[in-house]
C-alpha atoms as a PDB file:
ATOM      1  CA  MET A   1      14.561 -75.771  19.725  1.00  0.00           C
ATOM      2  CA  ARG A   2      11.234 -74.329  20.854  1.00  0.00           C
ATOM      3  CA  SER A   3       9.317 -76.714  18.614  1.00  0.00           C
ATOM      4  CA  ILE A   4      11.245 -79.687  20.049  1.00  0.00           C
ATOM      5  CA  ALA A   5      10.460 -78.599  23.629  1.00  0.00           C
ATOM      6  CA  LEU A   6       6.800 -78.126  22.712  1.00  0.00           C
ATOM      7  CA  PHE A   7       6.723 -81.607  21.183  1.00  0.00           C
ATOM      8  CA  ILE A   8       8.233 -83.152  24.336  1.00  0.00           C
ATOM      9  CA  CYS A   9       5.807 -81.355  26.656  1.00  0.00           C
ATOM     10  CA  THR A  10       2.846 -82.370  24.468  1.00  0.00           C
ATOM     11  CA  ALA A  11       3.995 -85.985  24.418  1.00  0.00           C
ATOM     12  CA  LEU A  12       4.321 -86.045  28.199  1.00  0.00           C
ATOM     13  CA  LEU A  13       0.842 -84.624  28.657  1.00  0.00           C
ATOM     14  CA  LEU A  14      -0.710 -87.058  26.188  1.00  0.00           C
ATOM     15  CA  SER A  15       1.028 -90.007  27.798  1.00  0.00           C
ATOM     16  CA  GLY A  16      -0.204 -89.058  31.250  1.00  0.00           C
ATOM     17  CA  CYS A  17       3.366 -88.750  32.519  1.00  0.00           C
ATOM     18  CA  ARG A  18       4.465 -85.796  34.555  1.00  0.00           C
ATOM     19  CA  VAL A  19       7.979 -84.636  35.280  1.00  0.00           C
ATOM     20  CA  SER A  20       7.631 -82.183  38.129  1.00  0.00           C
ATOM     21  CA  GLY A  21       9.865 -79.896  40.099  1.00  0.00           C
ATOM     22  CA  VAL A  22      12.396 -78.789  37.459  1.00  0.00           C
ATOM     23  CA  ARG A  23      12.705 -75.021  37.521  1.00  0.00           C
ATOM     24  CA  SER A  24      13.391 -73.385  34.175  1.00  0.00           C
ATOM     25  CA  SER A  25      15.727 -70.670  35.462  1.00  0.00           C
ATOM     26  CA  GLU A  26      18.116 -72.932  37.393  1.00  0.00           C
ATOM     27  CA  ARG A  27      18.617 -76.513  38.408  1.00  0.00           C
ATOM     28  CA  ALA A  28      16.087 -77.463  41.061  1.00  0.00           C
ATOM     29  CA  ARG A  29      17.673 -78.296  44.399  1.00  0.00           C
ATOM     30  CA  LYS A  30      16.098 -81.132  46.397  1.00  0.00           C
ATOM     31  CA  ALA A  31      16.929 -83.012  49.599  1.00  0.00           C
ATOM     32  CA  VAL A  32      15.974 -86.254  51.314  1.00  0.00           C
ATOM     33  CA  PHE A  33      17.189 -87.410  54.707  1.00  0.00           C
ATOM     34  CA  ILE A  34      16.882 -91.005  55.858  1.00  0.00           C
ATOM     35  CA  LEU A  35      17.080 -92.079  59.476  1.00  0.00           C
ATOM     36  CA  LEU A  36      17.934 -95.726  60.221  1.00  0.00           C
ATOM     37  CA  ASP A  37      17.143 -96.235  63.876  1.00  0.00           C
ATOM     38  CA  GLY A  38      19.699 -97.295  66.469  1.00  0.00           C
ATOM     39  CA  ILE A  39      22.843 -98.302  64.553  1.00  0.00           C
ATOM     40  CA  PRO A  40      26.126 -97.459  66.334  1.00  0.00           C
ATOM     41  CA  ALA A  41      29.113 -96.269  64.340  1.00  0.00           C
ATOM     42  CA  ASP A  42      31.290 -99.308  65.049  1.00  0.00           C
ATOM     43  CA  VAL A  43      28.615-101.627  63.641  1.00  0.00           C
ATOM     44  CA  ILE A  44      27.866 -99.654  60.471  1.00  0.00           C
ATOM     45  CA  GLU A  45      31.608 -99.694  59.812  1.00  0.00           C
ATOM     46  CA  GLN A  46      31.825-103.493  59.904  1.00  0.00           C
ATOM     47  CA  VAL A  47      28.609-104.589  58.195  1.00  0.00           C
ATOM     48  CA  ASN A  48      28.553-104.851  54.404  1.00  0.00           C
ATOM     49  CA  THR A  49      26.414-101.925  53.183  1.00  0.00           C
ATOM     50  CA  PRO A  50      27.059-101.471  49.445  1.00  0.00           C
ATOM     51  CA  VAL A  51      24.411 -98.772  48.982  1.00  0.00           C
ATOM     52  CA  LEU A  52      25.724 -96.597  51.796  1.00  0.00           C
ATOM     53  CA  ASP A  53      29.205 -97.160  50.411  1.00  0.00           C
ATOM     54  CA  GLU A  54      28.095 -95.946  46.975  1.00  0.00           C
ATOM     55  CA  ILE A  55      26.527 -92.813  48.421  1.00  0.00           C
ATOM     56  CA  ALA A  56      29.646 -92.149  50.503  1.00  0.00           C
ATOM     57  CA  ALA A  57      31.851 -92.615  47.427  1.00  0.00           C
ATOM     58  CA  ALA A  58      29.989 -89.723  45.797  1.00  0.00           C
ATOM     59  CA  GLY A  59      30.353 -87.598  48.914  1.00  0.00           C
ATOM     60  CA  GLY A  60      31.489 -88.767  52.314  1.00  0.00           C
ATOM     61  CA  HIS A  61      30.989 -90.898  55.405  1.00  0.00           C
ATOM     62  CA  ALA A  62      32.135 -89.936  58.875  1.00  0.00           C
ATOM     63  CA  ARG A  63      31.424 -90.513  62.507  1.00  0.00           C
ATOM     64  CA  ALA A  64      29.232 -87.989  64.290  1.00  0.00           C
ATOM     65  CA  HIS A  65      27.544 -87.678  67.669  1.00  0.00           C
ATOM     66  CA  VAL A  66      24.237 -87.223  69.437  1.00  0.00           C
ATOM     67  CA  GLY A  67      23.477 -86.438  73.081  1.00  0.00           C
ATOM     68  CA  GLY A  68      24.523 -82.801  73.265  1.00  0.00           C
ATOM     69  CA  GLU A  69      27.248 -81.672  75.640  1.00  0.00           C
ATOM     70  CA  LEU A  70      28.102 -84.430  78.066  1.00  0.00           C
ATOM     71  CA  GLY A  71      27.195 -83.161  81.546  1.00  0.00           C
ATOM     72  CA  GLY A  72      26.255 -79.759  80.197  1.00  0.00           C
ATOM     73  CA  ARG A  73      23.141 -77.729  79.552  1.00  0.00           C
ATOM     74  CA  THR A  74      22.437 -79.375  76.203  1.00  0.00           C
ATOM     75  CA  GLU A  75      22.828 -83.010  77.289  1.00  0.00           C
ATOM     76  CA  THR A  76      20.108 -84.977  75.500  1.00  0.00           C
ATOM     77  CA  PRO A  77      18.973 -88.587  76.095  1.00  0.00           C
ATOM     78  CA  THR A  78      20.284 -91.038  73.500  1.00  0.00           C
ATOM     79  CA  VAL A  79      16.733 -92.083  72.687  1.00  0.00           C
ATOM     80  CA  SER A  80      14.966 -92.117  69.342  1.00  0.00           C
ATOM     81  CA  ALA A  81      12.489 -89.218  69.511  1.00  0.00           C
ATOM     82  CA  PRO A  82      14.969 -86.779  71.093  1.00  0.00           C
ATOM     83  CA  GLY A  83      17.348 -87.713  68.286  1.00  0.00           C
ATOM     84  CA  TYR A  84      14.760 -87.063  65.575  1.00  0.00           C
ATOM     85  CA  MET A  85      13.845 -83.735  67.159  1.00  0.00           C
ATOM     86  CA  SER A  86      17.489 -82.717  67.403  1.00  0.00           C
ATOM     87  CA  LEU A  87      17.859 -83.501  63.702  1.00  0.00           C
ATOM     88  CA  ILE A  88      14.837 -81.624  62.398  1.00  0.00           C
ATOM     89  CA  THR A  89      15.231 -78.543  64.634  1.00  0.00           C
ATOM     90  CA  GLY A  90      19.012 -78.269  64.803  1.00  0.00           C
ATOM     91  CA  THR A  91      18.700 -77.900  68.589  1.00  0.00           C
ATOM     92  CA  TRP A  92      19.242 -80.084  71.657  1.00  0.00           C
ATOM     93  CA  ALA A  93      16.654 -81.168  74.223  1.00  0.00           C
ATOM     94  CA  ASP A  94      17.100 -78.142  76.472  1.00  0.00           C
ATOM     95  CA  LYS A  95      15.348 -76.248  73.691  1.00  0.00           C
ATOM     96  CA  HIS A  96      13.121 -78.694  71.809  1.00  0.00           C
ATOM     97  CA  ASN A  97      11.984 -80.343  75.097  1.00  0.00           C
ATOM     98  CA  VAL A  98      11.634 -83.902  73.770  1.00  0.00           C
ATOM     99  CA  ARG A  99      13.302 -86.311  76.197  1.00  0.00           C
ATOM    100  CA  GLY A 100      11.567 -89.608  75.501  1.00  0.00           C
ATOM    101  CA  ASN A 101       9.392 -91.539  73.059  1.00  0.00           C
ATOM    102  CA  SER A 102       6.099 -90.935  74.869  1.00  0.00           C
ATOM    103  CA  ASN A 103       4.227 -88.157  76.699  1.00  0.00           C
ATOM    104  CA  GLN A 104       6.027 -85.587  74.572  1.00  0.00           C
ATOM    105  CA  SER A 105       5.535 -81.843  74.838  1.00  0.00           C
ATOM    106  CA  PRO A 106       7.693 -80.381  72.065  1.00  0.00           C
ATOM    107  CA  ASN A 107       8.593 -76.721  72.263  1.00  0.00           C
ATOM    108  CA  TYR A 108       7.532 -75.574  68.810  1.00  0.00           C
ATOM    109  CA  ASP A 109       9.185 -72.193  69.288  1.00  0.00           C
ATOM    110  CA  TYR A 110      12.246 -73.924  67.846  1.00  0.00           C
ATOM    111  CA  TRP A 111      11.219 -74.421  64.228  1.00  0.00           C
ATOM    112  CA  ASN A 112      11.761 -77.674  62.381  1.00  0.00           C
ATOM    113  CA  LEU A 113      13.036 -78.059  58.822  1.00  0.00           C
ATOM    114  CA  PHE A 114       9.582 -78.468  57.334  1.00  0.00           C
ATOM    115  CA  ARG A 115       8.203 -75.356  58.976  1.00  0.00           C
ATOM    116  CA  ILE A 116      11.217 -73.367  57.797  1.00  0.00           C
ATOM    117  CA  VAL A 117      10.861 -74.572  54.207  1.00  0.00           C
ATOM    118  CA  GLU A 118       7.074 -74.199  54.068  1.00  0.00           C
ATOM    119  CA  THR A 119       7.299 -70.690  55.537  1.00  0.00           C
ATOM    120  CA  ALA A 120      10.072 -69.576  53.204  1.00  0.00           C
ATOM    121  CA  ASP A 121       8.358 -70.886  50.073  1.00  0.00           C
ATOM    122  CA  SER A 122       4.958 -72.556  50.293  1.00  0.00           C
ATOM    123  CA  THR A 123       5.293 -73.782  46.697  1.00  0.00           C
ATOM    124  CA  ARG A 124       8.035 -76.190  47.781  1.00  0.00           C
ATOM    125  CA  ARG A 125       6.678 -79.705  48.107  1.00  0.00           C
ATOM    126  CA  THR A 126       7.344 -81.620  51.319  1.00  0.00           C
ATOM    127  CA  ALA A 127       6.895 -85.286  52.165  1.00  0.00           C
ATOM    128  CA  ILE A 128       7.351 -87.767  54.990  1.00  0.00           C
ATOM    129  CA  PHE A 129       7.590 -91.542  54.828  1.00  0.00           C
ATOM    130  CA  SER A 130       7.656 -92.945  58.332  1.00  0.00           C
ATOM    131  CA  THR A 131       7.195 -96.153  60.288  1.00  0.00           C
ATOM    132  CA  TRP A 132       6.066 -94.034  63.245  1.00  0.00           C
ATOM    133  CA  LEU A 133       3.080 -91.670  62.964  1.00  0.00           C
ATOM    134  CA  ASP A 134       4.243 -89.409  65.813  1.00  0.00           C
ATOM    135  CA  ASN A 135       7.106 -88.113  63.692  1.00  0.00           C
ATOM    136  CA  ARG A 136       4.576 -86.111  61.696  1.00  0.00           C
ATOM    137  CA  THR A 137       1.736 -85.498  64.113  1.00  0.00           C
ATOM    138  CA  VAL A 138       3.735 -84.758  67.272  1.00  0.00           C
ATOM    139  CA  LEU A 139       7.364 -83.933  66.499  1.00  0.00           C
ATOM    140  CA  ILE A 140       6.754 -81.949  63.314  1.00  0.00           C
ATOM    141  CA  GLY A 141       3.400 -80.943  64.759  1.00  0.00           C
ATOM    142  CA  GLU A 142       1.597 -80.872  61.434  1.00  0.00           C
ATOM    143  CA  GLY A 143      -1.500 -78.691  61.604  1.00  0.00           C
ATOM    144  CA  ARG A 144      -0.951 -77.638  65.208  1.00  0.00           C
ATOM    145  CA  PRO A 145      -1.351 -73.903  65.780  1.00  0.00           C
ATOM    146  CA  GLY A 146       1.772 -73.651  67.918  1.00  0.00           C
ATOM    147  CA  ALA A 147       3.801 -75.452  65.263  1.00  0.00           C
ATOM    148  CA  GLY A 148       2.829 -73.173  62.393  1.00  0.00           C
ATOM    149  CA  THR A 149      -0.428 -74.826  61.173  1.00  0.00           C
ATOM    150  CA  PHE A 150       1.231 -75.931  57.925  1.00  0.00           C
ATOM    151  CA  ARG A 151       0.548 -79.247  56.179  1.00  0.00           C
ATOM    152  CA  LEU A 152       3.022 -81.508  54.433  1.00  0.00           C
ATOM    153  CA  ASP A 153       2.170 -82.160  50.812  1.00  0.00           C
ATOM    154  CA  HIS A 154       2.484 -85.933  51.050  1.00  0.00           C
ATOM    155  CA  ALA A 155       2.553 -88.377  53.962  1.00  0.00           C
ATOM    156  CA  VAL A 156       2.972 -92.150  54.095  1.00  0.00           C
ATOM    157  CA  ASP A 157       2.789 -93.267  57.728  1.00  0.00           C
ATOM    158  CA  GLY A 158       0.571 -94.643  60.476  1.00  0.00           C
ATOM    159  CA  PHE A 159       0.752 -98.287  59.412  1.00  0.00           C
ATOM    160  CA  GLU A 160       1.673 -99.358  62.941  1.00  0.00           C
ATOM    161  CA  HIS A 161      -1.974 -98.718  63.841  1.00  0.00           C
ATOM    162  CA  ASP A 162      -3.274-100.997  61.069  1.00  0.00           C
ATOM    163  CA  THR A 163      -3.275-104.321  62.884  1.00  0.00           C
ATOM    164  CA  VAL A 164      -5.265-105.996  60.112  1.00  0.00           C
ATOM    165  CA  ALA A 165      -2.703-105.436  57.374  1.00  0.00           C
ATOM    166  CA  TYR A 166       0.202-105.596  59.850  1.00  0.00           C
ATOM    167  CA  PRO A 167      -0.747-107.918  62.741  1.00  0.00           C
ATOM    168  CA  HIS A 168       1.599-107.315  65.639  1.00  0.00           C
ATOM    169  CA  ASP A 169       3.924-110.158  66.547  1.00  0.00           C
ATOM    170  CA  LYS A 170       6.334-110.559  69.444  1.00  0.00           C
ATOM    171  CA  ALA A 171       9.337-110.598  67.130  1.00  0.00           C
ATOM    172  CA  SER A 172       8.242-107.258  65.586  1.00  0.00           C
ATOM    173  CA  ARG A 173       8.464-108.655  62.067  1.00  0.00           C
ATOM    174  CA  TYR A 174       5.512-106.429  61.267  1.00  0.00           C
ATOM    175  CA  ILE A 175       7.825-103.429  61.679  1.00  0.00           C
ATOM    176  CA  LEU A 176      10.106-104.874  59.003  1.00  0.00           C
ATOM    177  CA  ALA A 177       7.081-105.251  56.717  1.00  0.00           C
ATOM    178  CA  ILE A 178       6.121-101.635  57.376  1.00  0.00           C
ATOM    179  CA  ASP A 179       9.681-100.482  56.678  1.00  0.00           C
ATOM    180  CA  GLU A 180       9.549-102.329  53.365  1.00  0.00           C
ATOM    181  CA  ARG A 181       6.344-100.539  52.414  1.00  0.00           C
ATOM    182  CA  VAL A 182       7.531 -97.144  53.618  1.00  0.00           C
ATOM    183  CA  SER A 183      10.809 -97.352  51.687  1.00  0.00           C
ATOM    184  CA  GLY A 184       9.024 -98.580  48.559  1.00  0.00           C
ATOM    185  CA  GLU A 185       6.461 -95.785  48.721  1.00  0.00           C
ATOM    186  CA  ALA A 186       9.234 -93.237  49.267  1.00  0.00           C
ATOM    187  CA  ALA A 187      11.178 -94.449  46.243  1.00  0.00           C
ATOM    188  CA  LYS A 188       8.089 -94.433  44.055  1.00  0.00           C
ATOM    189  CA  HIS A 189       7.018 -90.934  45.061  1.00  0.00           C
ATOM    190  CA  ILE A 190      10.495 -89.416  44.830  1.00  0.00           C
ATOM    191  CA  ALA A 191      11.019 -90.894  41.356  1.00  0.00           C
ATOM    192  CA  ALA A 192       7.644 -89.664  40.098  1.00  0.00           C
ATOM    193  CA  ARG A 193       7.257 -86.341  41.877  1.00  0.00           C
ATOM    194  CA  GLY A 194      10.645 -85.224  43.186  1.00  0.00           C
ATOM    195  CA  PRO A 195       9.495 -83.434  46.371  1.00  0.00           C
ATOM    196  CA  ASP A 196      11.770 -80.626  47.507  1.00  0.00           C
ATOM    197  CA  LEU A 197      12.241 -81.974  51.043  1.00  0.00           C
ATOM    198  CA  SER A 198      11.556 -85.516  52.254  1.00  0.00           C
ATOM    199  CA  TRP A 199      12.121 -87.444  55.473  1.00  0.00           C
ATOM    200  CA  VAL A 200      12.275 -91.247  55.450  1.00  0.00           C
ATOM    201  CA  TYR A 201      12.293 -93.011  58.822  1.00  0.00           C
ATOM    202  CA  LEU A 202      12.869 -96.783  59.145  1.00  0.00           C
ATOM    203  CA  GLN A 203      12.565 -98.470  62.542  1.00  0.00           C
ATOM    204  CA  HIS A 204      13.340-102.193  62.269  1.00  0.00           C
ATOM    205  CA  THR A 205      17.076-101.926  62.958  1.00  0.00           C
ATOM    206  CA  ASP A 206      16.383-100.601  66.449  1.00  0.00           C
ATOM    207  CA  ASP A 207      13.889-103.382  67.153  1.00  0.00           C
ATOM    208  CA  ALA A 208      16.478-105.932  66.020  1.00  0.00           C
ATOM    209  CA  GLY A 209      19.051-104.319  68.291  1.00  0.00           C
ATOM    210  CA  HIS A 210      16.747-104.471  71.295  1.00  0.00           C
ATOM    211  CA  ALA A 211      15.892-108.102  70.599  1.00  0.00           C
ATOM    212  CA  HIS A 212      19.285-109.483  69.659  1.00  0.00           C
ATOM    213  CA  GLY A 213      21.948-106.979  70.681  1.00  0.00           C
ATOM    214  CA  ASP A 214      25.318-107.266  68.980  1.00  0.00           C
ATOM    215  CA  SER A 215      24.692-110.281  66.791  1.00  0.00           C
ATOM    216  CA  GLU A 216      24.349-111.567  63.254  1.00  0.00           C
ATOM    217  CA  ALA A 217      20.588-110.979  63.488  1.00  0.00           C
ATOM    218  CA  PHE A 218      21.232-107.284  64.103  1.00  0.00           C
ATOM    219  CA  HIS A 219      23.712-107.178  61.224  1.00  0.00           C
ATOM    220  CA  ALA A 220      21.161-108.845  58.939  1.00  0.00           C
ATOM    221  CA  ALA A 221      18.624-106.123  59.778  1.00  0.00           C
ATOM    222  CA  ILE A 222      21.188-103.480  58.834  1.00  0.00           C
ATOM    223  CA  ARG A 223      21.832-105.173  55.488  1.00  0.00           C
ATOM    224  CA  GLN A 224      18.085-105.178  54.858  1.00  0.00           C
ATOM    225  CA  ALA A 225      17.933-101.468  55.693  1.00  0.00           C
ATOM    226  CA  ASP A 226      20.774-100.817  53.253  1.00  0.00           C
ATOM    227  CA  GLN A 227      18.724-102.449  50.499  1.00  0.00           C
ATOM    228  CA  MET A 228      15.767-100.215  51.375  1.00  0.00           C
ATOM    229  CA  VAL A 229      18.000 -97.158  51.163  1.00  0.00           C
ATOM    230  CA  GLY A 230      19.027 -98.456  47.738  1.00  0.00           C
ATOM    231  CA  ARG A 231      15.466 -98.048  46.444  1.00  0.00           C
ATOM    232  CA  ILE A 232      15.457 -94.412  47.480  1.00  0.00           C
ATOM    233  CA  TRP A 233      18.977 -93.786  46.187  1.00  0.00           C
ATOM    234  CA  ASN A 234      17.971 -95.195  42.795  1.00  0.00           C
ATOM    235  CA  ALA A 235      14.991 -92.824  42.744  1.00  0.00           C
ATOM    236  CA  VAL A 236      17.293 -89.905  43.558  1.00  0.00           C
ATOM    237  CA  LYS A 237      19.591 -90.894  40.701  1.00  0.00           C
ATOM    238  CA  GLN A 238      16.592 -90.923  38.350  1.00  0.00           C
ATOM    239  CA  ARG A 239      15.752 -87.369  39.398  1.00  0.00           C
ATOM    240  CA  GLN A 240      19.365 -86.298  39.021  1.00  0.00           C
ATOM    241  CA  ALA A 241      19.255 -87.553  35.441  1.00  0.00           C
ATOM    242  CA  LEU A 242      16.517 -84.975  34.847  1.00  0.00           C
ATOM    243  CA  GLY A 243      18.950 -82.207  35.815  1.00  0.00           C
ATOM    244  CA  GLU A 244      17.985 -81.745  39.468  1.00  0.00           C
ATOM    245  CA  GLU A 245      20.595 -81.258  42.209  1.00  0.00           C
ATOM    246  CA  TRP A 246      19.923 -83.675  45.051  1.00  0.00           C
ATOM    247  CA  MET A 247      21.337 -83.958  48.540  1.00  0.00           C
ATOM    248  CA  ILE A 248      20.807 -87.265  50.318  1.00  0.00           C
ATOM    249  CA  VAL A 249      21.736 -87.730  53.967  1.00  0.00           C
ATOM    250  CA  VAL A 250      21.558 -91.065  55.780  1.00  0.00           C
ATOM    251  CA  THR A 251      22.148 -91.194  59.520  1.00  0.00           C
ATOM    252  CA  THR A 252      21.029 -92.747  62.794  1.00  0.00           C
ATOM    253  CA  ASP A 253      19.560 -91.329  66.000  1.00  0.00           C
ATOM    254  CA  HIS A 254      21.695 -93.059  68.656  1.00  0.00           C
ATOM    255  CA  GLY A 255      24.182 -95.845  69.254  1.00  0.00           C
ATOM    256  CA  ARG A 256      23.808 -98.777  71.644  1.00  0.00           C
ATOM    257  CA  ASP A 257      25.044 -99.728  75.085  1.00  0.00           C
ATOM    258  CA  PRO A 258      28.647-100.994  75.237  1.00  0.00           C
ATOM    259  CA  ARG A 259      27.902-104.215  77.119  1.00  0.00           C
ATOM    260  CA  THR A 260      25.318-106.109  75.029  1.00  0.00           C
ATOM    261  CA  GLY A 261      24.077-103.661  72.388  1.00  0.00           C
ATOM    262  CA  LYS A 262      20.486-104.260  73.429  1.00  0.00           C
ATOM    263  CA  GLY A 263      19.899-100.965  75.225  1.00  0.00           C
ATOM    264  CA  HIS A 264      20.503 -97.243  74.830  1.00  0.00           C
ATOM    265  CA  GLY A 265      19.501 -93.966  76.452  1.00  0.00           C
ATOM    266  CA  LEU A 266      22.550 -93.156  78.565  1.00  0.00           C
ATOM    267  CA  GLN A 267      25.702 -91.219  77.741  1.00  0.00           C
ATOM    268  CA  SER A 268      28.354 -93.847  77.078  1.00  0.00           C
ATOM    269  CA  THR A 269      30.672 -93.141  74.158  1.00  0.00           C
ATOM    270  CA  ARG A 270      29.081 -95.931  72.138  1.00  0.00           C
ATOM    271  CA  GLU A 271      25.549 -94.608  72.717  1.00  0.00           C
ATOM    272  CA  ARG A 272      26.643 -91.093  71.716  1.00  0.00           C
ATOM    273  CA  THR A 273      28.737 -92.014  68.676  1.00  0.00           C
ATOM    274  CA  THR A 274      26.808 -92.126  65.411  1.00  0.00           C
ATOM    275  CA  TRP A 275      27.569 -91.543  61.729  1.00  0.00           C
ATOM    276  CA  ILE A 276      26.453 -89.543  58.698  1.00  0.00           C
ATOM    277  CA  VAL A 277      26.607 -90.533  55.027  1.00  0.00           C
ATOM    278  CA  THR A 278      25.944 -88.022  52.246  1.00  0.00           C
ATOM    279  CA  ASN A 279      26.416 -87.707  48.505  1.00  0.00           C
ATOM    280  CA  GLN A 280      27.689 -84.142  48.869  1.00  0.00           C
ATOM    281  CA  PRO A 281      31.440 -83.947  48.091  1.00  0.00           C
ATOM    282  CA  ALA A 282      32.274 -80.453  49.377  1.00  0.00           C
ATOM    283  CA  LEU A 283      32.471 -81.240  53.101  1.00  0.00           C
ATOM    284  CA  THR A 284      34.036 -79.202  55.877  1.00  0.00           C
ATOM    285  CA  PRO A 285      36.824 -80.497  58.142  1.00  0.00           C
ATOM    286  CA  ARG A 286      34.254 -80.616  60.948  1.00  0.00           C
ATOM    287  CA  PHE A 287      32.527 -83.386  58.990  1.00  0.00           C
ATOM    288  CA  THR A 288      35.556 -85.245  57.703  1.00  0.00           C
ATOM    289  CA  THR A 289      37.235 -85.370  61.121  1.00  0.00           C
ATOM    290  CA  GLY A 290      34.151 -86.819  62.815  1.00  0.00           C
ATOM    291  CA  GLN A 291      33.197 -83.708  64.796  1.00  0.00           C
ATOM    292  CA  SER A 292      29.729 -83.230  63.291  1.00  0.00           C
ATOM    293  CA  ALA A 293      26.581 -83.658  65.363  1.00  0.00           C
ATOM    294  CA  ILE A 294      23.052 -84.628  64.438  1.00  0.00           C
ATOM    295  CA  VAL A 295      22.082 -80.961  64.855  1.00  0.00           C
ATOM    296  CA  ASP A 296      24.333 -80.099  61.878  1.00  0.00           C
ATOM    297  CA  ILE A 297      22.069 -81.875  59.393  1.00  0.00           C
ATOM    298  CA  ALA A 298      19.256 -79.286  59.309  1.00  0.00           C
ATOM    299  CA  PRO A 299      21.483 -76.278  58.542  1.00  0.00           C
ATOM    300  CA  SER A 300      23.326 -78.354  55.931  1.00  0.00           C
ATOM    301  CA  ILE A 301      20.092 -79.227  54.144  1.00  0.00           C
ATOM    302  CA  LEU A 302      18.926 -75.614  54.280  1.00  0.00           C
ATOM    303  CA  GLN A 303      22.228 -74.490  52.781  1.00  0.00           C
ATOM    304  CA  HIS A 304      21.823 -76.978  49.948  1.00  0.00           C
ATOM    305  CA  LEU A 305      18.235 -75.839  49.328  1.00  0.00           C
ATOM    306  CA  ARG A 306      19.386 -72.205  49.481  1.00  0.00           C
ATOM    307  CA  ILE A 307      16.770 -71.400  52.090  1.00  0.00           C
ATOM    308  CA  ALA A 308      17.613 -69.051  54.938  1.00  0.00           C
ATOM    309  CA  PRO A 309      15.537 -69.460  58.113  1.00  0.00           C
ATOM    310  CA  PRO A 310      14.232 -66.335  59.828  1.00  0.00           C
ATOM    311  CA  SER A 311      17.064 -64.693  61.750  1.00  0.00           C
ATOM    312  CA  ALA A 312      15.428 -65.355  65.135  1.00  0.00           C
ATOM    313  CA  VAL A 313      15.162 -69.065  64.247  1.00  0.00           C
ATOM    314  CA  ALA A 314      18.699 -69.246  62.886  1.00  0.00           C
ATOM    315  CA  ARG A 315      20.124 -67.725  66.077  1.00  0.00           C
ATOM    316  CA  GLU A 316      18.694 -70.572  68.154  1.00  0.00           C
ATOM    317  CA  MET A 317      19.985 -73.408  65.970  1.00  0.00           C
ATOM    318  CA  GLU A 318      22.945 -75.114  67.621  1.00  0.00           C
ATOM    319  CA  GLY A 319      24.218 -76.955  64.568  1.00  0.00           C
ATOM    320  CA  VAL A 320      26.369 -75.642  61.748  1.00  0.00           C
ATOM    321  CA  SER A 321      26.373 -76.717  58.125  1.00  0.00           C
ATOM    322  CA  PHE A 322      28.942 -79.331  57.170  1.00  0.00           C
ATOM    323  CA  LEU A 323      28.834 -78.186  53.537  1.00  0.00           C
ATOM    324  CA  LYS A 324      31.559 -75.881  52.264  1.00  0.00           C
ATOM    325  CA  SER A 325      30.298 -72.568  50.954  1.00  0.00           C
ATOM    326  CA  ARG A 326      30.229 -72.313  47.175  1.00  0.00           C
ATOM    327  CA  ARG A 327      31.315 -69.059  45.639  1.00  0.00           C
END
């Protein structure tokens, strides 16, 4: 057996191929979360999304919510950046302090997923694939002293500032082109390198919602996003075939207004009601009955990765894992 393994390793090296991330002592555990911007639960339930359906068939799909406690201390605007920050920190805006998409002053005392993982084990590889640069430079706070000074191992983002390759148009078709590139780069990197923790953010669905509201044009954008998720899901399945244990989570950051579907940011039921899809089958009743919140995603991913945040960080997280404990 040893000679066979040596032959395989030698062949891989000679061919220039590299299969990374598989630990010899146990199956490597990896996670990727994908955020499709601004798709309310009632719409995702009516549009044909075969990729999301396939992922859900392996695990589950359920409604969830954003916005914190309605009228309470944790109430959080149903806006994109506050949603992202709630996801990656497991806290609401009263703690993470992000309440809009601009002029942000995040409170980095509430650690995000990447800081937790990089601090627990700096050998774990992290990656972000994003249509919006601020997700890495501001919300994660990469390289900022107050945010932990860590660096992600791989980043594909910032294309919105490249107006030569992606000339800005009034219909925001350039955002769709960026989403296509971001999702393709994510699939390629995950298939080849299998990073331990990845975030993929795709924006075009929200732009389509703002432009067209509840309409066939919005539904078409969601079907396009589903195809992009399919690239990443196929890459995950390739890594699983190598013996790795992968968790994929697909979600959204907010719903849309109940009148036209063009706006969001308030606390209507439709703006607060979202959804989560995952390939993980062992799900708690909190998930399956639609009680989960966006803040539950971070602790769920950490449970899958078998990484425990520092106790002071864990105490401040307001989400709970939706994965059943495995004995």
